[in-house]
Protein backbone atom coordinates (compact mmCIF):
# COMPACT_ATOMS: atom_id res chain seq x y z
CA UNK A 1 -14.49 -11.90 7.54
CA UNK A 2 -13.93 -8.77 5.41
CA UNK A 3 -12.49 -9.57 1.58
CA UNK A 4 -10.32 -7.09 -0.28
CA UNK A 5 -9.82 -7.65 -3.42
CA UNK A 6 -6.31 -5.92 -4.51
CA UNK A 7 -2.89 -7.73 -3.27
CA UNK A 8 -1.58 -6.62 -0.09
CA UNK A 9 2.05 -6.21 -0.68
CA UNK A 10 3.73 -6.61 2.64
CA UNK A 11 7.36 -7.04 4.16
CA UNK A 12 7.19 -10.30 5.47
CA UNK A 13 5.33 -13.81 6.72
CA UNK A 14 4.90 -12.35 9.74
CA UNK A 15 2.90 -9.60 8.19
CA UNK A 16 1.07 -11.93 6.20
CA UNK A 17 0.14 -14.09 9.11
CA UNK A 18 -1.47 -10.85 10.85
CA UNK A 19 -3.05 -10.05 7.57
CA UNK A 20 -4.59 -13.38 6.62
CA UNK A 21 -6.20 -13.30 10.93
CA UNK A 22 -7.59 -9.99 9.93
CA UNK A 23 -9.34 -9.85 6.67
CA UNK A 24 -9.84 -12.32 3.69
CA UNK A 25 -6.75 -11.20 1.24
CA UNK A 26 -4.00 -12.18 -1.01
CA UNK A 27 -0.23 -11.15 0.19
CA UNK A 28 3.14 -10.75 -1.39
CA UNK A 29 5.93 -10.14 0.69
CA UNK A 30 8.82 -8.19 -0.62
CA UNK A 31 11.43 -9.67 2.31
CA UNK A 32 12.64 -6.67 2.55
CA UNK A 33 14.50 -3.73 0.46
CA UNK A 34 16.12 -6.19 -1.71
CA UNK A 35 12.86 -7.43 -3.77
CA UNK A 36 14.23 -9.83 -6.34
CA UNK A 37 13.23 -10.05 -9.97
CA UNK A 38 11.15 -12.95 -9.46
CA UNK A 39 9.13 -11.02 -6.70
CA UNK A 40 8.87 -7.97 -8.80
CA UNK A 41 7.55 -10.08 -11.74
CA UNK A 42 4.86 -11.38 -9.40
CA UNK A 43 4.12 -7.59 -8.14
CA UNK A 44 3.67 -6.68 -11.82
CA UNK A 45 1.27 -9.12 -12.49
CA UNK A 46 -0.83 -8.03 -9.46
CA UNK A 47 -0.71 -4.94 -10.01
CA UNK A 48 -2.01 -4.72 -13.90
CA UNK A 49 -4.59 -7.84 -12.72
CA UNK A 50 -6.23 -7.15 -9.35
CA UNK A 51 -4.38 -3.86 -8.38
CA UNK A 52 -2.06 -3.69 -5.13
CA UNK A 53 -2.09 -1.87 -1.70
CA UNK A 54 1.24 -1.05 -0.05
CA UNK A 55 1.21 -2.32 3.58
CA UNK A 56 4.83 -1.66 4.79
CA UNK A 57 5.73 -1.30 8.20
CA UNK A 58 5.66 2.16 9.66
CA UNK A 59 9.59 2.36 10.39
CA UNK A 60 12.55 3.81 8.23
CA UNK A 61 12.69 0.70 5.97
CA UNK A 62 9.08 0.55 5.78
CA UNK A 63 8.93 3.85 4.00
CA UNK A 64 12.04 3.14 2.42
CA UNK A 65 10.37 0.04 0.52
CA UNK A 66 6.92 1.76 0.25
CA UNK A 67 8.87 4.51 -1.78
CA UNK A 68 10.36 2.32 -3.74
CA UNK A 69 7.14 0.55 -4.62
CA UNK A 70 5.32 3.66 -5.34
CA UNK A 71 7.83 4.75 -7.85
CA UNK A 72 7.35 1.78 -9.62
CA UNK A 73 3.45 1.60 -9.08
CA UNK A 74 2.15 5.40 -9.32
CA UNK A 75 -1.30 3.96 -9.43
CA UNK A 76 -1.20 1.57 -6.26
CA UNK A 77 -3.32 2.16 -2.99
CA UNK A 78 -1.36 2.86 -0.02
CA UNK A 79 -2.49 1.71 3.71
CA UNK A 80 -0.85 3.03 6.59
CA UNK A 81 -0.79 1.91 10.42
CA UNK A 82 0.28 4.49 13.13
CA UNK A 83 3.38 3.24 14.74
CA UNK A 84 1.83 3.02 18.42
CA UNK A 85 -0.45 0.57 16.97
CA UNK A 86 2.44 -1.54 15.51
CA UNK A 87 4.62 -1.39 18.32
CA UNK A 88 4.81 -4.44 20.42
CA UNK A 89 8.23 -5.24 22.89
CA UNK A 90 10.28 -2.40 21.22
CA UNK A 91 9.41 -4.23 17.69
CA UNK A 92 7.78 -1.96 14.99
CA UNK A 93 5.96 -4.00 12.28
CA UNK A 94 2.33 -4.66 10.97
CA UNK A 95 2.30 -7.91 12.58
CA UNK A 96 2.12 -6.23 15.89
CA UNK A 97 -1.07 -4.68 15.02
CA UNK A 98 -4.26 -5.75 15.96
CA UNK A 99 -6.90 -7.19 13.42
CA UNK A 100 -9.22 -4.21 14.04
CA UNK A 101 -6.14 -1.69 13.57
CA UNK A 102 -5.25 -3.92 10.68
CA UNK A 103 -8.87 -3.62 9.28
CA UNK A 104 -9.34 0.21 9.91
CA UNK A 105 -5.63 1.16 8.04
CA UNK A 106 -7.01 -1.20 4.62
CA UNK A 107 -10.33 0.83 4.60
CA UNK A 108 -8.76 3.87 4.67
CA UNK A 109 -6.21 2.86 2.00
CA UNK A 110 -5.95 5.70 -1.03
CA UNK A 111 -4.60 6.05 -4.38
CA UNK A 112 -2.21 8.97 -5.39
CA UNK A 113 -4.40 11.69 -6.76
CA UNK A 114 -1.78 12.07 -9.78
CA UNK A 115 -1.85 9.09 -10.82
CA UNK A 116 -5.89 9.38 -11.45
CA UNK A 117 -4.68 12.47 -13.33
CA UNK A 118 -6.43 14.63 -10.67
CA UNK A 119 -4.75 17.98 -9.77
CA UNK A 120 -2.62 18.55 -6.71
CA UNK A 121 -4.32 19.70 -3.73
CA UNK A 122 -2.97 23.60 -2.55
CA UNK A 123 -1.84 22.76 0.82
CA UNK A 124 1.00 24.59 1.97
CA UNK A 125 3.10 24.84 5.04
CA UNK A 126 1.09 28.15 5.93
CA UNK A 127 -1.79 26.05 6.00
CA UNK A 128 0.38 23.31 8.23
CA UNK A 129 0.96 26.84 10.88
CA UNK A 130 -2.44 27.91 10.73
CA UNK A 131 -4.02 24.37 11.75
CA UNK A 132 -1.59 23.92 14.51
CA UNK A 133 0.07 20.76 12.48
CA UNK A 134 3.77 22.41 12.48
CA UNK A 135 6.16 25.26 14.14
CA UNK A 136 3.98 25.39 17.56
CA UNK A 137 3.72 23.14 20.80
CA UNK A 138 1.77 20.06 20.49
CA UNK A 139 1.95 19.62 16.62
CA UNK A 140 3.07 16.25 16.33
CA UNK A 141 0.35 14.81 18.72
CA UNK A 142 -2.09 17.10 16.55
CA UNK A 143 -0.44 15.42 13.35
CA UNK A 144 -0.77 11.98 14.72
CA UNK A 145 -4.29 12.26 15.93
CA UNK A 146 -5.01 13.93 12.02
CA UNK A 147 -2.88 10.68 10.14
CA UNK A 148 -4.67 8.22 11.81
CA UNK A 149 -8.09 9.79 11.12
CA UNK A 150 -7.34 10.36 7.62
CA UNK A 151 -5.33 7.06 7.06
CA UNK A 152 -2.16 8.53 5.85
CA UNK A 153 0.03 7.51 8.39
CA UNK A 154 2.29 9.58 11.35
CA UNK A 155 4.70 11.18 9.61
CA UNK A 156 6.97 14.89 10.06
CA UNK A 157 5.27 18.31 9.04
CA UNK A 158 7.12 18.08 5.35
CA UNK A 159 5.97 14.47 5.26
CA UNK A 160 2.59 15.00 6.23
CA UNK A 161 1.98 17.81 3.84
CA UNK A 162 3.69 15.99 1.31
CA UNK A 163 0.94 12.88 1.95
CA UNK A 164 -2.06 15.18 2.25
CA UNK A 165 -0.85 16.70 -1.62
CA UNK A 166 -0.02 13.32 -2.91
CA UNK A 167 -3.31 11.51 -1.50
CA UNK A 168 -5.53 14.06 -2.57
CA UNK A 169 -6.87 14.58 0.47
CA UNK A 170 -9.75 17.70 1.03
CA UNK A 171 -9.90 20.70 2.94
CA UNK A 172 -12.91 19.59 4.24
CA UNK A 173 -11.53 16.33 5.12
CA UNK A 174 -8.32 17.74 6.94
CA UNK A 175 -10.51 20.01 8.93
CA UNK A 176 -13.05 17.52 10.35
CA UNK A 177 -9.63 15.27 11.12
CA UNK A 178 -8.61 18.03 13.58
CA UNK A 179 -12.06 18.45 15.15
């Protein structure tokens, strides 16, 4: 079983169970958006000692929690799971994903380019149009395929562009993902 050294931040106990079925790792559960002070303390210690991977559900609530954690922990890694891989009977969550999908998402975890002092990428809305990732028929499907290959999570065109720049993805990586 693959071992993950960083501590994985998830939303709940079912997510923890899915992670533990998939990899050898320690998790911390936020139990939703209202993170308790004691939980913040535990996450602070994990961040400083081992590093953390933020791995929240691919839904609106999960993205809100991710943003809140990312603001506090700028050097955290981020793992994303496509919504289609995390849905079961209308329920969306990490707990619904296969072990293979979880492992792949964790292997593609990325740090913010800003945290390491790297310059922001130069992707622009024009790049999104040129690559057919915005403003054209089928753009959402192309973004979804590229997001899965890049490990940045499916998003609307503005958020996808922001993630390309935020995670320091290269033009070569994007063009390879689009092939």
